């Protein structure tokens, strides 16, 4: 019996390395796709950002010259400021409004199901359809906003032609378009909160604000952090709304970094310069997302 056990242990020990490495066979397709779609383009982009290139190939090695040009380019610096401003307008609003809608619609009634579908419906629309709808709303000649303004005896406002109001108008469009995703994520998180916590709070006659801040929000804090990080990554990549609604104007007031990259690379044929701007944008997104993750994942002092 002892000899049989020793033989079995010997066979298991011989097969252990294969068992450990065999798991790679299952993850290899994903790892290869991840490397091909993300890691390899990132390396190629870093390499391209140190060259003077156009659509016909690399012309010269320039080192960090493209980065130096970027940080002395007023148009790029303005685009960076516009991007941060847009993120500041949209991310808190999407998080707070999405959470509020989820709290209101977190029940099993028929009307809640209908309203969930209504609020999520805009998310499935393409950026072209969304911007067309909102251009029709915001144009000063016959748009919905102009009609409402005239009803109250006010002159119509040219939102998309005003350097101060154009970016908030694009932010409003984006919030209307993207509110469905955070709402659904918050709904999923709220439905995982144990019901006995609410029953205990009801027995203690806890008020609704007390339940919200003592039970609900602490229970879904990881989802709140997830939503904020997702929205930061998404909103830093503003492109279609700005291109289709204002073209980056008026006066560069709505030109984000992605639109700057597109124009530098495909209109001015400065691929190396555009690649350097893309690396800066990647760094901005990574730093913002990691900072938010660090802040949200810190343990509260006991």
Foldseek 3Di string as FASTA:
>chain_A
DVVVVVVVVVVCVVCVVVVVVVVCVVCVVVVVVCCVPPVVVLVVLVVLLQFFFFPVGTDGGRGCVLVVVQVVDPLNVLQAVLLVVLLVLALVVLLVVLLVLLVVLLDDDPVSVVVLCVQQVLQPDDLVVLLVLLLQQQDQPNHVQVVVCVVVPHRRDNQCADLVRNSVSLSVSVSSNPSSVSNVLSNVQQVPFDVVVVVVCVVVVHDPVCCCVVGRCVSCLVSSLVSSLVSLLVSLQDDSNCCVNHNCDDVNSNNHLNNVLCCVCPVVRRNSSSSSSVVVSVVVSVVVSVVSVVVSPDDDDD
